[in-house]
Amino acid sequence: MSPDLWVPGAAEPSLDDFVARVLQAIERYTVSHTAERTHVEVELGDGQRLMLRSLSGEPGYGFLTLAVHRQEADDPELLIVPVGAIRQISLGPADETRRPGFALPEKKGPGSAA
């Protein structure tokens, strides 16, 4: 999905870059607060609020995968949504009993296999 605003000379928006920047923002929040993990909540355009476990740029083509903390037994664990469906992303300190945390991807060191 392309934004409504196009700036001449600017590269086409990248979904992978968007996901990487969101993950960086979550990581910055996590290291700057006392909680070991961050609670991440996404609000969709229809008003639905989801507590995220993780976020992925797959499958691409304007869609991303949200791994969610299930509230009810029949709730889905993964949702594939268009990036344009996201209204806001909220960050706060995690409390595993009421506000579960977000799992940041493992850092790959110089010696790790890709």
PDB file of N, CA and C in Angstrom:
ATOM      1  N   MET A   1       0.832  -1.179   0.000  1.00  0.00           N
ATOM      2  CA  MET A   1       0.000   0.000   0.000  1.00  0.00           C
ATOM      3  C   MET A   1       0.873   1.237   0.000  1.00  0.00           C
ATOM      4  N   SER A   2       0.612   2.120  -0.894  1.00  0.00           N
ATOM      5  CA  SER A   2       1.378   3.357  -0.952  1.00  0.00           C
ATOM      6  C   SER A   2       0.645   4.451  -0.198  1.00  0.00           C
ATOM      7  N   PRO A   3       1.396   5.325   0.438  1.00  0.00           N
ATOM      8  CA  PRO A   3       0.738   6.450   1.111  1.00  0.00           C
ATOM      9  C   PRO A   3       0.158   7.414   0.083  1.00  0.00           C
ATOM     10  N   ASP A   4      -0.718   8.294   0.540  1.00  0.00           N
ATOM     11  CA  ASP A   4      -1.333   9.270  -0.353  1.00  0.00           C
ATOM     12  C   ASP A   4      -0.370  10.360  -0.775  1.00  0.00           C
ATOM     13  N   LEU A   5       0.714  10.528  -0.039  1.00  0.00           N
ATOM     14  CA  LEU A   5       1.671  11.585  -0.326  1.00  0.00           C
ATOM     15  C   LEU A   5       2.900  10.998  -0.989  1.00  0.00           C
ATOM     16  N   TRP A   6       3.255  11.521  -2.141  1.00  0.00           N
ATOM     17  CA  TRP A   6       4.460  11.084  -2.828  1.00  0.00           C
ATOM     18  C   TRP A   6       5.399  12.268  -2.926  1.00  0.00           C
ATOM     19  N   VAL A   7       6.641  12.052  -2.534  1.00  0.00           N
ATOM     20  CA  VAL A   7       7.645  13.103  -2.580  1.00  0.00           C
ATOM     21  C   VAL A   7       8.606  12.771  -3.711  1.00  0.00           C
ATOM     22  N   PRO A   8       8.775  13.677  -4.697  1.00  0.00           N
ATOM     23  CA  PRO A   8       9.685  13.395  -5.802  1.00  0.00           C
ATOM     24  C   PRO A   8      11.086  13.065  -5.293  1.00  0.00           C
ATOM     25  N   GLY A   9      11.664  12.029  -5.858  1.00  0.00           N
ATOM     26  CA  GLY A   9      13.009  11.630  -5.474  1.00  0.00           C
ATOM     27  C   GLY A   9      13.045  10.688  -4.288  1.00  0.00           C
ATOM     28  N   ALA A  10      11.920  10.528  -3.604  1.00  0.00           N
ATOM     29  CA  ALA A  10      11.875   9.612  -2.461  1.00  0.00           C
ATOM     30  C   ALA A  10      11.647   8.197  -2.969  1.00  0.00           C
ATOM     31  N   ALA A  11      12.287   7.254  -2.313  1.00  0.00           N
ATOM     32  CA  ALA A  11      12.120   5.854  -2.689  1.00  0.00           C
ATOM     33  C   ALA A  11      10.710   5.388  -2.329  1.00  0.00           C
ATOM     34  N   GLU A  12      10.246   4.390  -3.050  1.00  0.00           N
ATOM     35  CA  GLU A  12       8.955   3.769  -2.748  1.00  0.00           C
ATOM     36  C   GLU A  12       9.014   3.213  -1.320  1.00  0.00           C
ATOM     37  N   PRO A  13       7.968   3.378  -0.534  1.00  0.00           N
ATOM     38  CA  PRO A  13       8.000   2.879   0.839  1.00  0.00           C
ATOM     39  C   PRO A  13       8.235   1.369   0.865  1.00  0.00           C
ATOM     40  N   SER A  14       9.032   0.927   1.816  1.00  0.00           N
ATOM     41  CA  SER A  14       9.373  -0.486   1.950  1.00  0.00           C
ATOM     42  C   SER A  14       8.704  -1.050   3.195  1.00  0.00           C
ATOM     43  N   LEU A  15       7.969  -2.139   3.025  1.00  0.00           N
ATOM     44  CA  LEU A  15       7.325  -2.788   4.160  1.00  0.00           C
ATOM     45  C   LEU A  15       8.369  -3.326   5.130  1.00  0.00           C
ATOM     46  N   ASP A  16       9.461  -3.890   4.598  1.00  0.00           N
ATOM     47  CA  ASP A  16      10.533  -4.394   5.464  1.00  0.00           C
ATOM     48  C   ASP A  16      11.150  -3.262   6.281  1.00  0.00           C
ATOM     49  N   ASP A  17      11.323  -2.095   5.663  1.00  0.00           N
ATOM     50  CA  ASP A  17      11.870  -0.943   6.379  1.00  0.00           C
ATOM     51  C   ASP A  17      10.896  -0.487   7.467  1.00  0.00           C
ATOM     52  N   PHE A  18       9.607  -0.480   7.156  1.00  0.00           N
ATOM     53  CA  PHE A  18       8.595  -0.113   8.146  1.00  0.00           C
ATOM     54  C   PHE A  18       8.669  -1.037   9.356  1.00  0.00           C
ATOM     55  N   VAL A  19       8.693  -2.355   9.117  1.00  0.00           N
ATOM     56  CA  VAL A  19       8.761  -3.326  10.211  1.00  0.00           C
ATOM     57  C   VAL A  19      10.050  -3.136  11.005  1.00  0.00           C
ATOM     58  N   ALA A  20      11.180  -2.952  10.311  1.00  0.00           N
ATOM     59  CA  ALA A  20      12.466  -2.751  10.997  1.00  0.00           C
ATOM     60  C   ALA A  20      12.421  -1.509  11.881  1.00  0.00           C
ATOM     61  N   ARG A  21      11.810  -0.436  11.396  1.00  0.00           N
ATOM     62  CA  ARG A  21      11.733   0.797  12.184  1.00  0.00           C
ATOM     63  C   ARG A  21      10.816   0.644  13.397  1.00  0.00           C
ATOM     64  N   VAL A  22       9.716  -0.087  13.241  1.00  0.00           N
ATOM     65  CA  VAL A  22       8.837  -0.344  14.388  1.00  0.00           C
ATOM     66  C   VAL A  22       9.589  -1.171  15.430  1.00  0.00           C
ATOM     67  N   LEU A  23      10.310  -2.208  14.987  1.00  0.00           N
ATOM     68  CA  LEU A  23      11.084  -3.038  15.918  1.00  0.00           C
ATOM     69  C   LEU A  23      12.166  -2.219  16.619  1.00  0.00           C
ATOM     70  N   GLN A  24      12.796  -1.290  15.895  1.00  0.00           N
ATOM     71  CA  GLN A  24      13.808  -0.418  16.509  1.00  0.00           C
ATOM     72  C   GLN A  24      13.172   0.478  17.571  1.00  0.00           C
ATOM     73  N   ALA A  25      11.986   1.001  17.284  1.00  0.00           N
ATOM     74  CA  ALA A  25      11.292   1.854  18.258  1.00  0.00           C
ATOM     75  C   ALA A  25      10.940   1.056  19.514  1.00  0.00           C
ATOM     76  N   ILE A  26      10.506  -0.191  19.338  1.00  0.00           N
ATOM     77  CA  ILE A  26      10.183  -1.044  20.485  1.00  0.00           C
ATOM     78  C   ILE A  26      11.444  -1.323  21.289  1.00  0.00           C
ATOM     79  N   GLU A  27      12.543  -1.613  20.602  1.00  0.00           N
ATOM     80  CA  GLU A  27      13.808  -1.884  21.291  1.00  0.00           C
ATOM     81  C   GLU A  27      14.287  -0.653  22.065  1.00  0.00           C
ATOM     82  N   ARG A  28      14.199   0.534  21.445  1.00  0.00           N
ATOM     83  CA  ARG A  28      14.599   1.768  22.137  1.00  0.00           C
ATOM     84  C   ARG A  28      13.746   1.992  23.381  1.00  0.00           C
ATOM     85  N   TYR A  29      12.447   1.768  23.264  1.00  0.00           N
ATOM     86  CA  TYR A  29      11.562   1.936  24.416  1.00  0.00           C
ATOM     87  C   TYR A  29      11.948   0.950  25.516  1.00  0.00           C
ATOM     88  N   THR A  30      12.208  -0.292  25.138  1.00  0.00           N
ATOM     89  CA  THR A  30      12.533  -1.338  26.113  1.00  0.00           C
ATOM     90  C   THR A  30      13.792  -1.000  26.895  1.00  0.00           C
ATOM     91  N   VAL A  31      14.849  -0.551  26.223  1.00  0.00           N
ATOM     92  CA  VAL A  31      16.106  -0.262  26.925  1.00  0.00           C
ATOM     93  C   VAL A  31      16.027   1.024  27.747  1.00  0.00           C
ATOM     94  N   SER A  32      15.069   1.885  27.447  1.00  0.00           N
ATOM     95  CA  SER A  32      14.984   3.156  28.170  1.00  0.00           C
ATOM     96  C   SER A  32      14.007   3.111  29.353  1.00  0.00           C
ATOM     97  N   HIS A  33      13.407   1.955  29.618  1.00  0.00           N
ATOM     98  CA  HIS A  33      12.459   1.832  30.724  1.00  0.00           C
ATOM     99  C   HIS A  33      12.863   0.681  31.637  1.00  0.00           C
ATOM    100  N   THR A  34      12.273   0.652  32.815  1.00  0.00           N
ATOM    101  CA  THR A  34      12.682  -0.334  33.816  1.00  0.00           C
ATOM    102  C   THR A  34      12.168  -1.742  33.538  1.00  0.00           C
ATOM    103  N   ALA A  35      11.084  -1.887  32.810  1.00  0.00           N
ATOM    104  CA  ALA A  35      10.552  -3.220  32.511  1.00  0.00           C
ATOM    105  C   ALA A  35      11.499  -3.957  31.566  1.00  0.00           C
ATOM    106  N   GLU A  36      11.587  -5.282  31.748  1.00  0.00           N
ATOM    107  CA  GLU A  36      12.463  -6.076  30.890  1.00  0.00           C
ATOM    108  C   GLU A  36      11.910  -6.214  29.481  1.00  0.00           C
ATOM    109  N   ARG A  37      10.592  -6.154  29.355  1.00  0.00           N
ATOM    110  CA  ARG A  37       9.953  -6.277  28.049  1.00  0.00           C
ATOM    111  C   ARG A  37       8.934  -5.163  27.881  1.00  0.00           C
ATOM    112  N   THR A  38       8.554  -4.952  26.641  1.00  0.00           N
ATOM    113  CA  THR A  38       7.587  -3.912  26.310  1.00  0.00           C
ATOM    114  C   THR A  38       6.266  -4.546  25.905  1.00  0.00           C
ATOM    115  N   HIS A  39       5.179  -3.953  26.372  1.00  0.00           N
ATOM    116  CA  HIS A  39       3.835  -4.350  25.956  1.00  0.00           C
ATOM    117  C   HIS A  39       3.521  -3.549  24.693  1.00  0.00           C
ATOM    118  N   VAL A  40       3.169  -4.252  23.619  1.00  0.00           N
ATOM    119  CA  VAL A  40       2.879  -3.599  22.343  1.00  0.00           C
ATOM    120  C   VAL A  40       1.434  -3.911  21.971  1.00  0.00           C
ATOM    121  N   GLU A  41       0.694  -2.857  21.712  1.00  0.00           N
ATOM    122  CA  GLU A  41      -0.704  -3.006  21.336  1.00  0.00           C
ATOM    123  C   GLU A  41      -0.928  -2.288  20.015  1.00  0.00           C
ATOM    124  N   VAL A  42      -1.649  -2.946  19.116  1.00  0.00           N
ATOM    125  CA  VAL A  42      -1.968  -2.379  17.810  1.00  0.00           C
ATOM    126  C   VAL A  42      -3.468  -2.137  17.758  1.00  0.00           C
ATOM    127  N   GLU A  43      -3.838  -0.957  17.284  1.00  0.00           N
ATOM    128  CA  GLU A  43      -5.252  -0.672  17.045  1.00  0.00           C
ATOM    129  C   GLU A  43      -5.477  -0.676  15.544  1.00  0.00           C
ATOM    130  N   LEU A  44      -6.451  -1.482  15.115  1.00  0.00           N
ATOM    131  CA  LEU A  44      -6.787  -1.550  13.696  1.00  0.00           C
ATOM    132  C   LEU A  44      -7.843  -0.504  13.357  1.00  0.00           C
ATOM    133  N   GLY A  45      -8.032  -0.282  12.089  1.00  0.00           N
ATOM    134  CA  GLY A  45      -8.969   0.731  11.618  1.00  0.00           C
ATOM    135  C   GLY A  45     -10.394   0.528  12.094  1.00  0.00           C
ATOM    136  N   ASP A  46     -10.770  -0.732  12.377  1.00  0.00           N
ATOM    137  CA  ASP A  46     -12.130  -1.001  12.849  1.00  0.00           C
ATOM    138  C   ASP A  46     -12.271  -0.831  14.359  1.00  0.00           C
ATOM    139  N   GLY A  47     -11.175  -0.377  15.027  1.00  0.00           N
ATOM    140  CA  GLY A  47     -11.205  -0.151  16.467  1.00  0.00           C
ATOM    141  C   GLY A  47     -10.733  -1.337  17.290  1.00  0.00           C
ATOM    142  N   GLN A  48     -10.527  -2.487  16.660  1.00  0.00           N
ATOM    143  CA  GLN A  48     -10.048  -3.670  17.380  1.00  0.00           C
ATOM    144  C   GLN A  48      -8.640  -3.425  17.902  1.00  0.00           C
ATOM    145  N   ARG A  49      -8.399  -3.801  19.177  1.00  0.00           N
ATOM    146  CA  ARG A  49      -7.083  -3.639  19.798  1.00  0.00           C
ATOM    147  C   ARG A  49      -6.498  -5.022  20.034  1.00  0.00           C
ATOM    148  N   LEU A  50      -5.248  -5.199  19.615  1.00  0.00           N
ATOM    149  CA  LEU A  50      -4.572  -6.490  19.705  1.00  0.00           C
ATOM    150  C   LEU A  50      -3.280  -6.345  20.483  1.00  0.00           C
ATOM    151  N   MET A  51      -3.015  -7.289  21.401  1.00  0.00           N
ATOM    152  CA  MET A  51      -1.748  -7.318  22.129  1.00  0.00           C
ATOM    153  C   MET A  51      -0.783  -8.192  21.334  1.00  0.00           C
ATOM    154  N   LEU A  52       0.335  -7.602  20.902  1.00  0.00           N
ATOM    155  CA  LEU A  52       1.260  -8.314  20.023  1.00  0.00           C
ATOM    156  C   LEU A  52       2.304  -9.114  20.774  1.00  0.00           C
ATOM    157  N   ARG A  53       2.597 -10.311  20.238  1.00  0.00           N
ATOM    158  CA  ARG A  53       3.750 -11.107  20.664  1.00  0.00           C
ATOM    159  C   ARG A  53       4.929 -10.789  19.764  1.00  0.00           C
ATOM    160  N   SER A  54       4.637 -10.643  18.456  1.00  0.00           N
ATOM    161  CA  SER A  54       5.685 -10.318  17.485  1.00  0.00           C
ATOM    162  C   SER A  54       5.044  -9.764  16.222  1.00  0.00           C
ATOM    163  N   LEU A  55       5.912  -9.272  15.336  1.00  0.00           N
ATOM    164  CA  LEU A  55       5.503  -8.601  14.107  1.00  0.00           C
ATOM    165  C   LEU A  55       6.430  -9.054  12.992  1.00  0.00           C
ATOM    166  N   SER A  56       5.864  -9.339  11.819  1.00  0.00           N
ATOM    167  CA  SER A  56       6.671  -9.787  10.686  1.00  0.00           C
ATOM    168  C   SER A  56       6.205  -9.104   9.408  1.00  0.00           C
ATOM    169  N   GLY A  57       7.143  -8.823   8.524  1.00  0.00           N
ATOM    170  CA  GLY A  57       6.830  -8.228   7.232  1.00  0.00           C
ATOM    171  C   GLY A  57       6.314  -9.233   6.213  1.00  0.00           C
ATOM    172  N   GLU A  58       6.177 -10.476   6.616  1.00  0.00           N
ATOM    173  CA  GLU A  58       5.642 -11.512   5.721  1.00  0.00           C
ATOM    174  C   GLU A  58       4.125 -11.442   5.735  1.00  0.00           C
ATOM    175  N   PRO A  59       3.437 -11.723   4.706  1.00  0.00           N
ATOM    176  CA  PRO A  59       3.879 -12.232   3.425  1.00  0.00           C
ATOM    177  C   PRO A  59       4.343 -11.151   2.451  1.00  0.00           C
ATOM    178  N   GLY A  60       4.277  -9.883   2.856  1.00  0.00           N
ATOM    179  CA  GLY A  60       4.684  -8.799   1.964  1.00  0.00           C
ATOM    180  C   GLY A  60       3.518  -8.329   1.103  1.00  0.00           C
ATOM    181  N   TYR A  61       3.843  -7.630   0.029  1.00  0.00           N
ATOM    182  CA  TYR A  61       2.836  -7.102  -0.903  1.00  0.00           C
ATOM    183  C   TYR A  61       1.800  -6.237  -0.186  1.00  0.00           C
ATOM    184  N   GLY A  62       2.265  -5.462   0.812  1.00  0.00           N
ATOM    185  CA  GLY A  62       1.367  -4.579   1.540  1.00  0.00           C
ATOM    186  C   GLY A  62       0.729  -5.207   2.765  1.00  0.00           C
ATOM    187  N   PHE A  63       1.031  -6.483   3.031  1.00  0.00           N
ATOM    188  CA  PHE A  63       0.471  -7.188   4.182  1.00  0.00           C
ATOM    189  C   PHE A  63       1.578  -7.542   5.163  1.00  0.00           C
ATOM    190  N   LEU A  64       1.235  -7.575   6.454  1.00  0.00           N
ATOM    191  CA  LEU A  64       2.179  -8.053   7.462  1.00  0.00           C
ATOM    192  C   LEU A  64       1.465  -9.002   8.409  1.00  0.00           C
ATOM    193  N   THR A  65       2.268  -9.770   9.147  1.00  0.00           N
ATOM    194  CA  THR A  65       1.723 -10.771  10.060  1.00  0.00           C
ATOM    195  C   THR A  65       1.871 -10.289  11.495  1.00  0.00           C
ATOM    196  N   LEU A  66       0.759 -10.294  12.215  1.00  0.00           N
ATOM    197  CA  LEU A  66       0.730  -9.941  13.626  1.00  0.00           C
ATOM    198  C   LEU A  66       0.538 -11.227  14.426  1.00  0.00           C
ATOM    199  N   ALA A  67       1.506 -11.572  15.268  1.00  0.00           N
ATOM    200  CA  ALA A  67       1.347 -12.686  16.206  1.00  0.00           C
ATOM    201  C   ALA A  67       0.816 -12.075  17.492  1.00  0.00           C
ATOM    202  N   VAL A  68      -0.356 -12.533  17.923  1.00  0.00           N
ATOM    203  CA  VAL A  68      -1.046 -11.881  19.033  1.00  0.00           C
ATOM    204  C   VAL A  68      -1.135 -12.786  20.261  1.00  0.00           C
ATOM    205  N   HIS A  69      -1.234 -12.142  21.429  1.00  0.00           N
ATOM    206  CA  HIS A  69      -1.553 -12.852  22.668  1.00  0.00           C
ATOM    207  C   HIS A  69      -3.062 -13.075  22.645  1.00  0.00           C
ATOM    208  N   ARG A  70      -3.478 -14.314  22.686  1.00  0.00           N
ATOM    209  CA  ARG A  70      -4.910 -14.631  22.617  1.00  0.00           C
ATOM    210  C   ARG A  70      -5.601 -14.280  23.928  1.00  0.00           C
ATOM    211  N   GLN A  71      -6.766 -13.661  23.818  1.00  0.00           N
ATOM    212  CA  GLN A  71      -7.569 -13.316  24.996  1.00  0.00           C
ATOM    213  C   GLN A  71      -8.567 -14.435  25.297  1.00  0.00           C
ATOM    214  N   GLU A  72      -9.071 -15.062  24.254  1.00  0.00           N
ATOM    215  CA  GLU A  72     -10.040 -16.156  24.371  1.00  0.00           C
ATOM    216  C   GLU A  72      -9.466 -17.373  23.653  1.00  0.00           C
ATOM    217  N   ALA A  73      -9.917 -18.560  24.043  1.00  0.00           N
ATOM    218  CA  ALA A  73      -9.380 -19.795  23.463  1.00  0.00           C
ATOM    219  C   ALA A  73      -9.594 -19.877  21.953  1.00  0.00           C
ATOM    220  N   ASP A  74     -10.672 -19.294  21.457  1.00  0.00           N
ATOM    221  CA  ASP A  74     -10.945 -19.397  20.021  1.00  0.00           C
ATOM    222  C   ASP A  74     -10.400 -18.210  19.214  1.00  0.00           C
ATOM    223  N   ASP A  75      -9.670 -17.314  19.849  1.00  0.00           N
ATOM    224  CA  ASP A  75      -9.042 -16.197  19.133  1.00  0.00           C
ATOM    225  C   ASP A  75      -7.884 -16.719  18.278  1.00  0.00           C
ATOM    226  N   PRO A  76      -7.644 -16.102  17.127  1.00  0.00           N
ATOM    227  CA  PRO A  76      -6.510 -16.526  16.299  1.00  0.00           C
ATOM    228  C   PRO A  76      -5.179 -16.150  16.952  1.00  0.00           C
ATOM    229  N   GLU A  77      -4.122 -16.896  16.598  1.00  0.00           N
ATOM    230  CA  GLU A  77      -2.779 -16.583  17.084  1.00  0.00           C
ATOM    231  C   GLU A  77      -2.045 -15.674  16.114  1.00  0.00           C
ATOM    232  N   LEU A  78      -2.346 -15.811  14.832  1.00  0.00           N
ATOM    233  CA  LEU A  78      -1.702 -15.003  13.796  1.00  0.00           C
ATOM    234  C   LEU A  78      -2.770 -14.312  12.967  1.00  0.00           C
ATOM    235  N   LEU A  79      -2.520 -13.062  12.657  1.00  0.00           N
ATOM    236  CA  LEU A  79      -3.403 -12.306  11.772  1.00  0.00           C
ATOM    237  C   LEU A  79      -2.552 -11.711  10.665  1.00  0.00           C
ATOM    238  N   ILE A  80      -2.987 -11.870   9.433  1.00  0.00           N
ATOM    239  CA  ILE A  80      -2.326 -11.230   8.301  1.00  0.00           C
ATOM    240  C   ILE A  80      -3.226 -10.073   7.892  1.00  0.00           C
ATOM    241  N   VAL A  81      -2.694  -8.860   8.010  1.00  0.00           N
ATOM    242  CA  VAL A  81      -3.498  -7.663   7.772  1.00  0.00           C
ATOM    243  C   VAL A  81      -2.775  -6.729   6.803  1.00  0.00           C
ATOM    244  N   PRO A  82      -3.530  -5.922   6.059  1.00  0.00           N
ATOM    245  CA  PRO A  82      -2.870  -4.897   5.248  1.00  0.00           C
ATOM    246  C   PRO A  82      -2.269  -3.834   6.162  1.00  0.00           C
ATOM    247  N   VAL A  83      -1.099  -3.345   5.821  1.00  0.00           N
ATOM    248  CA  VAL A  83      -0.429  -2.360   6.667  1.00  0.00           C
ATOM    249  C   VAL A  83      -1.307  -1.122   6.853  1.00  0.00           C
ATOM    250  N   GLY A  84      -2.129  -0.808   5.875  1.00  0.00           N
ATOM    251  CA  GLY A  84      -3.020   0.341   5.966  1.00  0.00           C
ATOM    252  C   GLY A  84      -4.134   0.173   6.988  1.00  0.00           C
ATOM    253  N   ALA A  85      -4.332  -1.060   7.499  1.00  0.00           N
ATOM    254  CA  ALA A  85      -5.368  -1.303   8.504  1.00  0.00           C
ATOM    255  C   ALA A  85      -4.925  -0.869   9.894  1.00  0.00           C
ATOM    256  N   ILE A  86      -3.629  -0.581  10.062  1.00  0.00           N
ATOM    257  CA  ILE A  86      -3.117  -0.201  11.378  1.00  0.00           C
ATOM    258  C   ILE A  86      -3.363   1.285  11.614  1.00  0.00           C
ATOM    259  N   ARG A  87      -4.112   1.579  12.680  1.00  0.00           N
ATOM    260  CA  ARG A  87      -4.397   2.969  13.034  1.00  0.00           C
ATOM    261  C   ARG A  87      -3.326   3.514  13.975  1.00  0.00           C
ATOM    262  N   GLN A  88      -2.914   2.709  14.961  1.00  0.00           N
ATOM    263  CA  GLN A  88      -1.867   3.162  15.881  1.00  0.00           C
ATOM    264  C   GLN A  88      -1.199   1.966  16.534  1.00  0.00           C
ATOM    265  N   ILE A  89       0.037   2.194  17.001  1.00  0.00           N
ATOM    266  CA  ILE A  89       0.810   1.202  17.743  1.00  0.00           C
ATOM    267  C   ILE A  89       1.179   1.853  19.069  1.00  0.00           C
ATOM    268  N   SER A  90       0.795   1.207  20.184  1.00  0.00           N
ATOM    269  CA  SER A  90       1.054   1.749  21.521  1.00  0.00           C
ATOM    270  C   SER A  90       2.102   0.908  22.225  1.00  0.00           C
ATOM    271  N   LEU A  91       3.016   1.581  22.939  1.00  0.00           N
ATOM    272  CA  LEU A  91       4.063   0.909  23.704  1.00  0.00           C
ATOM    273  C   LEU A  91       3.920   1.267  25.172  1.00  0.00           C
ATOM    274  N   GLY A  92       4.191   0.304  26.032  1.00  0.00           N
ATOM    275  CA  GLY A  92       4.170   0.533  27.472  1.00  0.00           C
ATOM    276  C   GLY A  92       4.928  -0.588  28.158  1.00  0.00           C
ATOM    277  N   PRO A  93       5.163  -0.456  29.458  1.00  0.00           N
ATOM    278  CA  PRO A  93       5.882  -1.516  30.166  1.00  0.00           C
ATOM    279  C   PRO A  93       5.028  -2.786  30.238  1.00  0.00           C
ATOM    280  N   ALA A  94       5.675  -3.932  30.071  1.00  0.00           N
ATOM    281  CA  ALA A  94       4.970  -5.211  30.140  1.00  0.00           C
ATOM    282  C   ALA A  94       4.787  -5.635  31.587  1.00  0.00           C
ATOM    283  N   ASP A  95       3.683  -6.277  31.843  1.00  0.00           N
ATOM    284  CA  ASP A  95       3.385  -6.933  33.115  1.00  0.00           C
ATOM    285  C   ASP A  95       2.776  -8.265  32.685  1.00  0.00           C
ATOM    286  N   GLU A  96       3.543  -9.333  32.776  1.00  0.00           N
ATOM    287  CA  GLU A  96       3.156 -10.603  32.160  1.00  0.00           C
ATOM    288  C   GLU A  96       1.793 -11.124  32.591  1.00  0.00           C
ATOM    289  N   THR A  97       1.253 -10.678  33.708  1.00  0.00           N
ATOM    290  CA  THR A  97      -0.063 -11.162  34.117  1.00  0.00           C
ATOM    291  C   THR A  97      -1.199 -10.399  33.442  1.00  0.00           C
ATOM    292  N   ARG A  98      -1.005  -9.109  33.188  1.00  0.00           N
ATOM    293  CA  ARG A  98      -2.074  -8.295  32.597  1.00  0.00           C
ATOM    294  C   ARG A  98      -1.712  -7.689  31.255  1.00  0.00           C
ATOM    295  N   ARG A  99      -0.450  -7.370  31.055  1.00  0.00           N
ATOM    296  CA  ARG A  99       0.004  -6.728  29.820  1.00  0.00           C
ATOM    297  C   ARG A  99       1.230  -7.488  29.314  1.00  0.00           C
ATOM    298  N   PRO A 100       1.001  -8.595  28.587  1.00  0.00           N
ATOM    299  CA  PRO A 100       2.124  -9.433  28.170  1.00  0.00           C
ATOM    300  C   PRO A 100       3.105  -8.696  27.271  1.00  0.00           C
ATOM    301  N   GLY A 101       4.335  -9.188  27.265  1.00  0.00           N
ATOM    302  CA  GLY A 101       5.413  -8.526  26.539  1.00  0.00           C
ATOM    303  C   GLY A 101       5.550  -8.957  25.092  1.00  0.00           C
ATOM    304  N   PHE A 102       6.328  -8.187  24.376  1.00  0.00           N
ATOM    305  CA  PHE A 102       6.626  -8.370  22.957  1.00  0.00           C
ATOM    306  C   PHE A 102       7.986  -9.047  22.851  1.00  0.00           C
ATOM    307  N   ALA A 103       8.116 -10.018  21.960  1.00  0.00           N
ATOM    308  CA  ALA A 103       9.385 -10.727  21.762  1.00  0.00           C
ATOM    309  C   ALA A 103      10.145 -10.099  20.603  1.00  0.00           C
ATOM    310  N   LEU A 104      11.182  -9.341  20.925  1.00  0.00           N
ATOM    311  CA  LEU A 104      12.029  -8.769  19.874  1.00  0.00           C
ATOM    312  C   LEU A 104      12.809  -9.890  19.200  1.00  0.00           C
ATOM    313  N   PRO A 105      13.093  -9.764  17.898  1.00  0.00           N
ATOM    314  CA  PRO A 105      13.883 -10.793  17.219  1.00  0.00           C
ATOM    315  C   PRO A 105      15.279 -10.879  17.817  1.00  0.00           C
ATOM    316  N   GLU A 106      15.850 -12.080  17.774  1.00  0.00           N
ATOM    317  CA  GLU A 106      17.211 -12.289  18.260  1.00  0.00           C
ATOM    318  C   GLU A 106      18.180 -11.535  17.364  1.00  0.00           C
ATOM    319  N   LYS A 107      19.181 -10.928  17.983  1.00  0.00           N
ATOM    320  CA  LYS A 107      20.234 -10.242  17.222  1.00  0.00           C
ATOM    321  C   LYS A 107      21.152 -11.292  16.622  1.00  0.00           C
ATOM    322  N   LYS A 108      21.517 -11.103  15.369  1.00  0.00           N
ATOM    323  CA  LYS A 108      22.469 -11.994  14.725  1.00  0.00           C
ATOM    324  C   LYS A 108      23.844 -11.370  14.819  1.00  0.00           C
ATOM    325  N   GLY A 109      24.756 -12.082  15.437  1.00  0.00           N
ATOM    326  CA  GLY A 109      26.121 -11.584  15.588  1.00  0.00           C
ATOM    327  C   GLY A 109      26.936 -11.837  14.340  1.00  0.00           C
ATOM    328  N   PRO A 110      28.188 -11.323  14.310  1.00  0.00           N
ATOM    329  CA  PRO A 110      29.027 -11.482  13.131  1.00  0.00           C
ATOM    330  C   PRO A 110      29.312 -12.939  12.799  1.00  0.00           C
ATOM    331  N   GLY A 111      29.320 -13.824  13.806  1.00  0.00           N
ATOM    332  CA  GLY A 111      29.642 -15.217  13.549  1.00  0.00           C
ATOM    333  C   GLY A 111      28.430 -16.100  13.344  1.00  0.00           C
ATOM    334  N   SER A 112      27.214 -15.542  13.392  1.00  0.00           N
ATOM    335  CA  SER A 112      26.039 -16.395  13.264  1.00  0.00           C
ATOM    336  C   SER A 112      25.710 -16.661  11.811  1.00  0.00           C
ATOM    337  N   ALA A 113      25.146 -17.828  11.582  1.00  0.00           N
ATOM    338  CA  ALA A 113      24.783 -18.219  10.218  1.00  0.00           C
ATOM    339  C   ALA A 113      23.489 -17.538   9.826  1.00  0.00           C
ATOM    340  N   ALA A 114      23.378 -17.204   8.567  1.00  0.00           N
ATOM    341  CA  ALA A 114      22.171 -16.531   8.087  1.00  0.00           C
ATOM    342  C   ALA A 114      21.184 -17.501   7.523  1.00  0.00           C
TER     343      ALA A 114
END
